[in-house]
C-alpha cells in the first residue's frame, strides 16, 4: 500500500501492481505502474513492455509527469535501479539516469518540478543525489560524509527533512541544505541514552582482492581501543547477497554491539554488493563459492596481520547469504577461525531451490533448477553441504520457523551435519519469526546467544 500516490489535483491514482499468479508470480519480477482515472474509471499501464521491476510512482508537483524506479532485466532483483519519467500529456517516457553506473532509488520531485532527487548507494554510504529535469541528465551529489540517508522529504525552501543515521547513531530528523550539502540535526530523541553509551570508532579500510581489485570494508573497533593490546576479531559476512554494508543503523546486526563486547569487527563489501558499479554486483551470480568468498578471506587475512589483532582468536558470522558464507567457510577456512555463527543461511543449494518462495532469485543467481542437463556448475562446486567432511569448528546456527525466503530445513540440515560430525554446536529457533528477528524480546535473546557463543570460543 505504500506504492500508491494521488495526483496533485486529486483526480488520478498511480499505483504499483504485479499482476501475476502461481508459477509466474514466483518466477517473475515484472511489476508495473498503473494510472487510474477516477472520472472515467479507466486504468492505463504506464510501464507496459518494461519486463523488470517498476516501483515507487511519484507525481511531479505540476501534475504533468510521473517518475518511478525501474529495473531493465526481468527476474533480476539486483539489476541497476533507474529513474524513469512519463509525460502524462504526450505519453513519452524516458530514463533520467541513463549512463549512471549506480542505483537511483526512492525518487522525489523538487517543489518546482525541475529536479528529481534520489538515494544512491555509493562506496559504503547511502547518499542523496539530484538529476536536473530540464537538462535531462545533469547529476549533482547533495550529501557528504559517512552518514546514511534513509528517507527524505523535499520542501519549498530548497531543503530536505531527512532521516539520517550512521553505524554509531540511530536515525534522527535533520534539516538538510540542498545547495551546501550540509545537515542540521532537528530531533534528539536518543540523546539521553546515547550520552550513557560509548561507541567504538568506525573506520573505512581498503584491502586488495586475489584478482588485484580494491575491496571496501568497514572496521568497527571496541570502545577505548588500545593499539598496544591484542583483540579478537570477527568477520561479518553480509547478506543479500546484493546488499551493501553501509552506515545504516541496524536493530539486528548492529556491529557496535559486538565491538562493545571487545571484538574488532571487519565488514567487507565483497563481490555482489551494490555501490561499486553494476559489474561488481553482477559478479556474484553463479559464483557464490568463488570470488565473493575469496574477498571475505582477503579482508580478514590482511587485517589479522595488524599488531593489535590476535590471529588465534578469529570468528565469522552472518545472516542469509552471510549464513551461506559461514557454512562455506566452515568447509574451507583451513583453521583460520575458532567460532562461527550462521543466521537463516543457505546450506544446500539444491533443496533451497525447491523450497524458497522467490524462484526468480534462484533462477538468476544459481542459473536455474538443479535438474537441468547439464546441471549448473554452482550446484556442484559452491553448495556448502558438499564440504561437510571438512567441518571442524564450533558453530551456532540460528533459523526462524516462518522463514520462506530461506526455509527452516536449511538450518536444521546444517545443524544435523554439525552434530553428526561431533562438532560443538547449538541450534536456536524462533518459530514465529520470518527471515529476520524483529520482535524486541527475541532480539534480546538473539544477541545474548551470539555474544555467549563468541565469548565461549574467542
Protein backbone atom coordinates (compact mmCIF):
# COMPACT_ATOMS: atom_id res chain seq x y z
CA UNK A 1 0.00 0.00 0.00
CA UNK A 2 2.99 2.35 0.23
CA UNK A 3 3.19 2.11 -3.57
CA UNK A 4 0.16 4.39 -4.08
CA UNK A 5 0.03 8.13 -4.78
CA UNK A 6 -2.66 10.67 -5.61
CA UNK A 7 -2.17 13.16 -8.41
CA UNK A 8 -1.87 16.80 -7.22
CA UNK A 9 -5.40 17.58 -8.49
CA UNK A 10 -6.85 14.52 -6.73
CA UNK A 11 -8.33 13.10 -9.94
CA UNK A 12 -5.98 10.17 -10.56
CA UNK A 13 -4.19 7.50 -8.58
CA UNK A 14 -0.86 5.93 -9.54
CA UNK A 15 -0.01 2.55 -8.04
CA UNK A 16 2.29 -0.45 -8.38
CA UNK A 17 0.93 -3.90 -9.14
CA UNK A 18 2.45 -7.26 -10.03
CA UNK A 19 -0.43 -8.85 -11.92
CA UNK A 20 0.61 -12.47 -11.83
CA UNK A 21 -0.32 -15.65 -10.02
CA UNK A 22 1.20 -19.01 -9.17
CA UNK A 23 4.30 -20.06 -11.10
CA UNK A 24 4.54 -16.73 -12.93
CA UNK A 25 4.49 -14.77 -9.66
CA UNK A 26 7.30 -16.93 -8.26
CA UNK A 27 9.49 -16.68 -11.36
CA UNK A 28 8.94 -13.06 -12.45
CA UNK A 29 9.77 -9.62 -11.11
CA UNK A 30 7.53 -7.89 -13.66
CA UNK A 31 5.56 -5.29 -11.73
CA UNK A 32 4.10 -2.24 -13.47
CA UNK A 33 3.00 1.33 -12.77
CA UNK A 34 -0.73 1.85 -13.34
CA UNK A 35 -2.70 5.09 -13.54
CA UNK A 36 -6.37 5.04 -12.57
CA UNK A 37 -8.64 7.93 -13.59
CA UNK A 38 -11.47 8.48 -11.11
CA UNK A 39 -13.62 10.34 -13.60
CA UNK A 40 -13.58 7.83 -16.46
CA UNK A 41 -12.88 4.72 -14.40
CA UNK A 42 -10.14 3.74 -16.87
CA UNK A 43 -6.72 2.30 -15.98
CA UNK A 44 -3.54 2.76 -18.03
CA UNK A 45 -0.30 0.78 -17.76
CA UNK A 46 2.47 3.40 -17.84
CA UNK A 47 5.34 0.88 -17.90
CA UNK A 48 3.96 -1.55 -20.45
CA UNK A 49 6.59 -3.72 -22.17
CA UNK A 50 9.11 -3.00 -19.40
CA UNK A 51 9.71 -6.54 -18.06
CA UNK A 52 11.63 -5.84 -14.82
CA UNK A 53 10.58 -4.32 -11.51
CA UNK A 54 8.73 -0.96 -11.78
CA UNK A 55 8.06 0.63 -8.38
CA UNK A 56 7.52 3.84 -6.40
CA UNK A 57 5.42 6.09 -8.65
CA UNK A 58 5.55 9.78 -7.75
CA UNK A 59 3.77 12.70 -9.46
CA UNK A 60 5.55 15.94 -10.23
CA UNK A 61 4.02 18.86 -8.27
CA UNK A 62 2.79 20.42 -11.53
CA UNK A 63 0.93 17.20 -12.33
CA UNK A 64 2.43 16.75 -15.81
CA UNK A 65 4.86 13.91 -15.11
CA UNK A 66 5.26 10.71 -13.15
CA UNK A 67 8.65 9.38 -12.06
CA UNK A 68 9.30 5.85 -10.85
CA UNK A 69 12.00 3.28 -10.16
CA UNK A 70 12.64 0.69 -12.85
CA UNK A 71 14.92 -2.28 -13.50
CA UNK A 72 15.60 -3.40 -17.05
CA UNK A 73 16.36 -7.11 -16.74
CA UNK A 74 13.43 -9.40 -15.92
CA UNK A 75 13.79 -11.76 -12.98
CA UNK A 76 16.81 -9.90 -11.56
CA UNK A 77 16.10 -8.03 -8.34
CA UNK A 78 19.68 -6.64 -8.16
CA UNK A 79 19.72 -5.02 -11.60
CA UNK A 80 20.57 -1.31 -11.68
CA UNK A 81 17.71 0.83 -10.39
CA UNK A 82 16.87 3.62 -12.85
CA UNK A 83 14.60 6.66 -12.64
CA UNK A 84 12.06 6.72 -15.46
CA UNK A 85 9.76 9.59 -16.45
CA UNK A 86 6.39 9.53 -18.20
CA UNK A 87 4.93 12.70 -19.72
CA UNK A 88 1.23 12.35 -18.98
CA UNK A 89 0.29 14.72 -21.81
CA UNK A 90 2.32 13.22 -24.65
CA UNK A 91 2.78 9.65 -23.39
CA UNK A 92 6.54 9.89 -23.93
CA UNK A 93 8.73 8.08 -21.41
CA UNK A 94 12.49 8.07 -20.91
CA UNK A 95 15.23 7.28 -18.39
CA UNK A 96 16.54 10.24 -16.42
CA UNK A 97 19.59 8.42 -15.03
CA UNK A 98 20.90 6.93 -18.27
CA UNK A 99 24.64 6.27 -18.22
CA UNK A 100 24.94 6.09 -14.42
CA UNK A 101 26.76 3.06 -13.06
CA UNK A 102 24.95 3.24 -9.73
CA UNK A 103 21.49 2.69 -8.31
CA UNK A 104 18.94 5.51 -8.17
CA UNK A 105 16.27 4.71 -5.57
CA UNK A 106 13.36 6.49 -3.90
CA UNK A 107 12.77 9.30 -6.45
CA UNK A 108 11.24 12.58 -5.26
CA UNK A 109 10.47 15.81 -7.12
CA UNK A 110 11.60 19.29 -6.25
CA UNK A 111 8.80 21.77 -5.46
CA UNK A 112 9.36 23.47 -8.84
CA UNK A 113 9.20 20.16 -10.76
CA UNK A 114 12.62 20.94 -12.25
CA UNK A 115 14.75 18.33 -10.46
CA UNK A 116 14.39 14.74 -9.31
CA UNK A 117 16.14 13.64 -6.15
CA UNK A 118 17.07 10.06 -5.34
CA UNK A 119 19.09 7.95 -2.91
CA UNK A 120 22.07 6.03 -4.24
CA UNK A 121 24.44 3.50 -2.66
CA UNK A 122 27.99 4.67 -3.29
CA UNK A 123 31.17 3.35 -1.66
CA UNK A 124 29.53 2.12 1.51
CA UNK A 125 27.19 5.09 2.07
CA UNK A 126 23.58 5.84 1.05
CA UNK A 127 23.79 9.33 -0.47
CA UNK A 128 21.28 11.82 -1.87
CA UNK A 129 21.66 12.92 -5.49
CA UNK A 130 19.73 15.11 -7.90
CA UNK A 131 19.25 14.93 -11.63
CA UNK A 132 18.30 18.09 -13.49
CA UNK A 133 15.00 17.59 -15.27
CA UNK A 134 15.44 20.39 -17.80
CA UNK A 135 18.91 19.17 -18.76
CA UNK A 136 17.71 15.54 -18.81
CA UNK A 137 20.67 14.00 -17.07
CA UNK A 138 22.91 16.51 -15.27
CA UNK A 139 23.81 14.87 -11.95
CA UNK A 140 24.60 16.51 -8.65
CA UNK A 141 25.63 14.90 -5.37
CA UNK A 142 23.80 16.57 -2.47
CA UNK A 143 25.27 14.88 0.60
CA UNK A 144 28.72 14.39 2.09
CA UNK A 145 30.38 12.37 4.81
CA UNK A 146 29.78 8.92 6.27
CA UNK A 147 26.08 9.23 7.14
CA UNK A 148 23.25 7.22 5.57
CA UNK A 149 20.08 8.88 4.25
CA UNK A 150 17.12 6.62 4.98
CA UNK A 151 14.23 8.85 3.95
CA UNK A 152 13.78 12.46 2.90
CA UNK A 153 11.05 14.97 2.00
CA UNK A 154 11.89 17.92 -0.28
CA UNK A 155 10.49 21.28 0.85
CA UNK A 156 9.83 24.53 -0.97
CA UNK A 157 12.76 26.17 0.80
CA UNK A 158 15.33 24.10 -1.13
CA UNK A 159 15.92 21.87 1.87
CA UNK A 160 15.10 18.32 2.90
CA UNK A 161 13.53 16.99 6.01
CA UNK A 162 15.61 13.84 6.25
CA UNK A 163 16.10 10.77 8.41
CA UNK A 164 19.87 10.36 8.76
CA UNK A 165 21.84 7.75 10.68
CA UNK A 166 25.22 6.05 10.94
CA UNK A 167 26.64 2.90 12.50
CA UNK A 168 27.08 4.96 15.66
CA UNK A 169 23.80 6.91 15.78
CA UNK A 170 20.17 5.80 15.37
CA UNK A 171 18.03 7.70 12.85
CA UNK A 172 17.16 11.29 13.72
CA UNK A 173 15.46 14.05 11.76
CA UNK A 174 17.74 16.58 10.10
CA UNK A 175 17.25 19.71 8.04
CA UNK A 176 19.48 19.19 5.03
CA UNK A 177 20.52 22.15 2.90
CA UNK A 178 20.47 21.08 -0.74
CA UNK A 179 22.98 23.55 -2.14
CA UNK A 180 25.61 23.29 0.60
CA UNK A 181 25.18 19.53 1.26
CA UNK A 182 25.19 20.30 5.00
CA UNK A 183 22.77 18.96 7.60
CA UNK A 184 21.50 20.34 10.90
CA UNK A 185 20.02 17.96 13.45
CA UNK A 186 16.43 18.78 14.43
CA UNK A 187 15.42 15.95 16.78
CA UNK A 188 17.46 14.49 19.63
CA UNK A 189 15.24 11.57 20.57
CA UNK A 190 18.12 9.36 21.67
CA UNK A 191 20.44 12.00 23.14
CA UNK A 192 19.98 10.98 26.80
CA UNK A 193 20.56 7.29 26.07
CA UNK A 194 23.48 7.92 23.77
CA UNK A 195 25.14 10.05 26.43
CA UNK A 196 25.46 6.89 28.56
CA UNK A 197 26.99 4.78 25.77
CA UNK A 198 30.49 4.96 24.36
CA UNK A 199 30.64 3.93 20.72
CA UNK A 200 33.64 2.36 19.02
CA UNK A 201 35.48 4.08 16.21
CA UNK A 202 34.28 3.20 12.69
CA UNK A 203 36.97 3.21 10.04
CA UNK A 204 36.99 2.69 6.28
CA UNK A 205 39.62 0.20 5.13
CA UNK A 206 40.64 -0.84 1.63
CA UNK A 207 42.02 -4.34 1.11
CA UNK A 208 43.35 -5.99 -2.05
CA UNK A 209 41.46 -8.92 -3.53
CA UNK A 210 43.04 -12.01 -5.06
CA UNK A 211 42.39 -10.56 -8.54
CA UNK A 212 44.05 -7.24 -7.61
CA UNK A 213 40.92 -5.15 -7.06
CA UNK A 214 40.20 -2.77 -4.18
CA UNK A 215 37.85 -4.12 -1.52
CA UNK A 216 35.98 -1.51 0.52
CA UNK A 217 35.36 -2.57 4.12
CA UNK A 218 34.14 -1.07 7.37
CA UNK A 219 36.02 -1.83 10.58
CA UNK A 220 34.42 -1.18 13.97
CA UNK A 221 36.76 -1.03 16.98
CA UNK A 222 35.89 -1.61 20.64
CA UNK A 223 35.32 1.50 22.77
CA UNK A 224 38.55 2.65 24.44
CA UNK A 225 40.52 0.71 21.85
CA UNK A 226 44.20 0.43 22.78
CA UNK A 227 46.51 -0.45 19.85
CA UNK A 228 49.07 -1.77 22.31
CA UNK A 229 46.69 -4.61 23.29
CA UNK A 230 45.60 -7.74 21.42
CA UNK A 231 41.95 -8.14 20.41
CA UNK A 232 39.90 -10.97 18.93
CA UNK A 233 38.36 -10.13 15.56
CA UNK A 234 35.09 -11.18 13.93
CA UNK A 235 34.47 -11.23 10.19
CA UNK A 236 30.94 -10.01 9.41
CA UNK A 237 29.61 -11.68 6.26
CA UNK A 238 26.93 -9.54 4.63
CA UNK A 239 23.61 -10.99 3.47
CA UNK A 240 21.60 -10.13 0.40
CA UNK A 241 23.63 -11.26 -1.41
CA UNK A 242 23.20 -7.99 -3.32
CA UNK A 243 23.09 -5.73 -0.27
CA UNK A 244 25.75 -3.18 0.66
CA UNK A 245 27.33 -2.88 4.09
CA UNK A 246 26.50 0.77 4.64
CA UNK A 247 26.46 3.23 7.52
CA UNK A 248 22.91 2.14 8.31
CA UNK A 249 22.00 1.84 11.99
CA UNK A 250 20.68 -1.69 12.50
CA UNK A 251 18.44 -3.05 15.25
CA UNK A 252 19.54 -6.56 14.25
CA UNK A 253 23.13 -6.78 13.06
CA UNK A 254 24.42 -3.77 14.95
CA UNK A 255 28.18 -4.10 14.73
CA UNK A 256 28.70 -1.67 17.62
CA UNK A 257 27.18 -4.26 19.97
CA UNK A 258 29.84 -6.80 19.05
CA UNK A 259 32.57 -4.15 19.25
CA UNK A 260 31.32 -3.19 22.72
CA UNK A 261 31.84 -6.82 23.79
CA UNK A 262 35.53 -6.49 22.96
CA UNK A 263 35.74 -7.66 19.34
CA UNK A 264 37.08 -5.79 16.33
CA UNK A 265 34.50 -6.30 13.57
CA UNK A 266 35.60 -6.44 9.92
CA UNK A 267 32.73 -5.96 7.44
CA UNK A 268 33.78 -6.22 3.75
CA UNK A 269 31.69 -5.08 0.80
CA UNK A 270 32.55 -8.25 -1.09
CA UNK A 271 31.72 -9.09 -4.69
CA UNK A 272 27.97 -8.92 -5.29
CA UNK A 273 27.03 -5.83 -3.27
CA UNK A 274 25.79 -2.62 -4.96
CA UNK A 275 27.54 0.72 -4.66
CA UNK A 276 30.70 -0.18 -6.55
CA UNK A 277 29.42 -0.43 -10.13
CA UNK A 278 27.00 -2.89 -11.70
CA UNK A 279 29.77 -5.26 -12.82
CA UNK A 280 30.78 -5.70 -9.16
CA UNK A 281 27.15 -6.51 -8.28
CA UNK A 282 26.64 -8.90 -11.19
CA UNK A 283 29.85 -10.82 -10.47
CA UNK A 284 28.30 -12.97 -7.74
CA UNK A 285 25.75 -14.74 -9.97
CA UNK A 286 26.73 -18.38 -10.44
CA UNK A 287 29.84 -17.89 -8.30
CA UNK A 288 28.63 -17.91 -4.70
CA UNK A 289 31.55 -20.02 -3.52
CA UNK A 290 34.15 -18.36 -5.74
CA UNK A 291 35.41 -14.79 -5.77
CA UNK A 292 32.93 -13.48 -3.14
CA UNK A 293 34.36 -15.97 -0.63
CA UNK A 294 37.91 -15.06 -1.61
CA UNK A 295 37.03 -11.40 -0.97
CA UNK A 296 35.94 -12.26 2.58
CA UNK A 297 39.13 -14.22 3.19
CA UNK A 298 41.28 -11.45 1.70
CA UNK A 299 39.82 -8.93 4.15
CA UNK A 300 40.38 -11.00 7.28
CA UNK A 301 43.76 -12.36 6.15
CA UNK A 302 45.12 -8.87 5.61
CA UNK A 303 43.54 -7.35 8.71
CA UNK A 304 44.72 -10.10 11.06
CA UNK A 305 48.31 -9.01 10.37
CA UNK A 306 47.72 -5.83 12.38
CA UNK A 307 49.75 -5.96 15.61
CA UNK A 308 46.65 -5.40 17.74
CA UNK A 309 44.78 -8.43 16.30
CA UNK A 310 45.07 -11.82 17.99
CA UNK A 311 45.06 -14.03 14.89
CA UNK A 312 44.45 -17.11 17.07
CA UNK A 313 41.03 -15.73 18.07
CA UNK A 314 39.07 -15.10 14.89
CA UNK A 315 35.35 -15.68 14.31
CA UNK A 316 32.91 -15.27 11.43
CA UNK A 317 29.19 -14.55 11.48
CA UNK A 318 26.44 -13.54 9.09
CA UNK A 319 22.77 -13.75 8.02
CA UNK A 320 21.11 -15.14 4.87
CA UNK A 321 23.83 -15.15 2.19
CA UNK A 322 26.11 -14.32 5.12
CA UNK A 323 24.89 -17.57 6.70
CA UNK A 324 25.74 -19.36 3.44
CA UNK A 325 29.17 -17.72 3.66
CA UNK A 326 29.65 -19.08 7.18
CA UNK A 327 28.66 -22.61 6.10
CA UNK A 328 31.02 -22.35 3.12
CA UNK A 329 33.86 -21.03 5.28
CA UNK A 330 33.33 -23.87 7.77
CA UNK A 331 34.32 -26.26 4.98
CA UNK A 332 37.18 -24.20 3.52
CA UNK A 333 38.75 -21.92 6.16
CA UNK A 334 41.82 -24.10 6.88
CA UNK A 335 41.93 -23.43 10.63
CA UNK A 336 41.62 -19.63 10.34
CA UNK A 337 38.55 -19.35 12.59
CA UNK A 338 37.71 -20.55 16.09
CA UNK A 339 33.94 -19.90 16.03
CA UNK A 340 31.10 -19.49 13.54
CA UNK A 341 27.55 -18.09 13.72
CA UNK A 342 25.09 -18.62 10.84
CA UNK A 343 21.66 -16.97 10.83
CA UNK A 344 18.99 -18.13 8.33
CA UNK A 345 21.71 -19.23 5.92
CA UNK A 346 21.56 -21.34 2.75
CA UNK A 347 23.18 -24.74 3.36
CA UNK A 348 22.08 -26.92 0.44
CA UNK A 349 21.61 -25.11 -2.89
CA UNK A 350 19.56 -27.96 -4.40
CA UNK A 351 16.95 -28.15 -1.64
CA UNK A 352 16.98 -24.35 -1.35
CA UNK A 353 15.83 -24.07 -4.98
CA UNK A 354 12.82 -26.25 -4.27
CA UNK A 355 11.78 -24.53 -1.05
CA UNK A 356 12.33 -20.76 -1.39
CA UNK A 357 9.37 -18.58 -2.37
CA UNK A 358 11.49 -16.43 -4.72
CA UNK A 359 12.20 -18.76 -7.64
CA UNK A 360 13.17 -15.78 -9.81
CA UNK A 361 16.08 -15.13 -7.46
CA UNK A 362 17.34 -18.72 -7.61
CA UNK A 363 16.96 -18.75 -11.40
CA UNK A 364 19.12 -15.65 -11.71
CA UNK A 365 21.80 -16.34 -9.10
CA UNK A 366 22.06 -20.13 -9.44
CA UNK A 367 21.36 -20.49 -13.16
CA UNK A 368 18.01 -22.22 -12.88
CA UNK A 369 16.87 -25.53 -11.35
CA UNK A 370 19.33 -28.27 -10.39
CA UNK A 371 17.61 -30.89 -12.57
CA UNK A 372 18.82 -29.31 -15.80
CA UNK A 373 21.17 -31.19 -18.10
CA UNK A 374 23.88 -30.16 -17.71
CA UNK A 375 23.46 -29.20 -14.06
CA UNK A 376 24.52 -25.56 -13.42
CA UNK A 377 28.06 -25.72 -12.08
CA UNK A 378 27.29 -23.72 -8.95
CA UNK A 379 25.23 -26.61 -7.50
CA UNK A 380 28.23 -28.91 -7.85
CA UNK A 381 31.04 -26.66 -6.65
CA UNK A 382 29.51 -23.99 -4.38
CA UNK A 383 26.97 -25.71 -2.12
CA UNK A 384 28.27 -25.90 1.49
CA UNK A 385 26.71 -29.33 2.06
CA UNK A 386 29.30 -30.85 -0.28
CA UNK A 387 32.11 -29.90 2.12
CA UNK A 388 30.77 -31.05 5.49
CA UNK A 389 33.57 -33.62 5.63
CA UNK A 390 35.91 -30.66 6.28
CA UNK A 391 33.86 -29.11 9.11
CA UNK A 392 35.84 -28.86 12.35
CA UNK A 393 34.89 -25.60 14.12
CA UNK A 394 32.22 -24.78 16.75
CA UNK A 395 29.11 -23.31 15.13
CA UNK A 396 25.95 -21.63 16.41
CA UNK A 397 23.06 -21.99 13.96
CA UNK A 398 20.02 -19.71 14.20
CA UNK A 399 16.98 -20.18 11.99
CA UNK A 400 13.39 -18.96 12.07
CA UNK A 401 10.31 -21.12 11.72
CA UNK A 402 8.36 -18.76 9.46
CA UNK A 403 11.21 -18.03 7.07
CA UNK A 404 10.05 -18.69 3.49
CA UNK A 405 13.00 -16.94 1.84
CA UNK A 406 15.49 -19.48 3.26
CA UNK A 407 13.25 -22.11 4.87
CA UNK A 408 13.87 -23.74 8.24
CA UNK A 409 15.07 -27.03 6.75
CA UNK A 410 18.30 -25.33 5.67
CA UNK A 411 19.27 -24.58 9.26
CA UNK A 412 18.11 -27.98 10.52
CA UNK A 413 20.19 -29.78 7.87
CA UNK A 414 23.29 -27.75 8.76
CA UNK A 415 22.80 -28.46 12.48
CA UNK A 416 22.37 -32.16 11.79
CA UNK A 417 25.60 -32.10 9.77
CA UNK A 418 27.48 -30.44 12.63
CA UNK A 419 26.11 -32.88 15.22
CA UNK A 420 26.91 -35.91 13.06
CA UNK A 421 30.46 -34.57 12.77
CA UNK A 422 30.65 -34.25 16.58
CA UNK A 423 31.34 -30.53 16.24
CA UNK A 424 30.39 -28.34 19.23
CA UNK A 425 27.15 -26.77 18.00
CA UNK A 426 23.95 -25.16 19.13
CA UNK A 427 20.61 -24.53 17.39
CA UNK A 428 18.36 -21.58 18.21
CA UNK A 429 14.92 -21.34 16.57
CA UNK A 430 12.33 -18.57 16.71
CA UNK A 431 9.16 -20.33 15.44
CA UNK A 432 7.15 -17.16 14.70
CA UNK A 433 9.91 -15.01 13.13
CA UNK A 434 10.42 -14.81 9.37
CA UNK A 435 13.77 -14.17 7.61
CA UNK A 436 14.55 -11.54 10.26
CA UNK A 437 14.38 -11.34 14.06
CA UNK A 438 12.11 -8.34 14.62
CA UNK A 439 10.35 -8.84 17.98
CA UNK A 440 12.19 -6.99 20.78
CA UNK A 441 12.37 -9.83 23.32
CA UNK A 442 13.51 -12.25 20.62
CA UNK A 443 16.19 -9.75 19.62
CA UNK A 444 17.46 -9.66 23.22
CA UNK A 445 17.76 -13.45 23.33
CA UNK A 446 19.29 -13.49 19.83
CA UNK A 447 22.07 -11.08 20.83
CA UNK A 448 22.70 -12.82 24.14
CA UNK A 449 23.05 -16.20 22.42
CA UNK A 450 25.52 -14.85 19.87
CA UNK A 451 27.65 -12.99 22.41
CA UNK A 452 27.69 -16.02 24.70
CA UNK A 453 28.85 -18.21 21.80
CA UNK A 454 31.62 -15.81 20.77
CA UNK A 455 32.66 -15.42 24.38
CA UNK A 456 32.89 -19.18 24.88
CA UNK A 457 35.20 -19.79 21.92
CA UNK A 458 37.03 -16.48 21.41
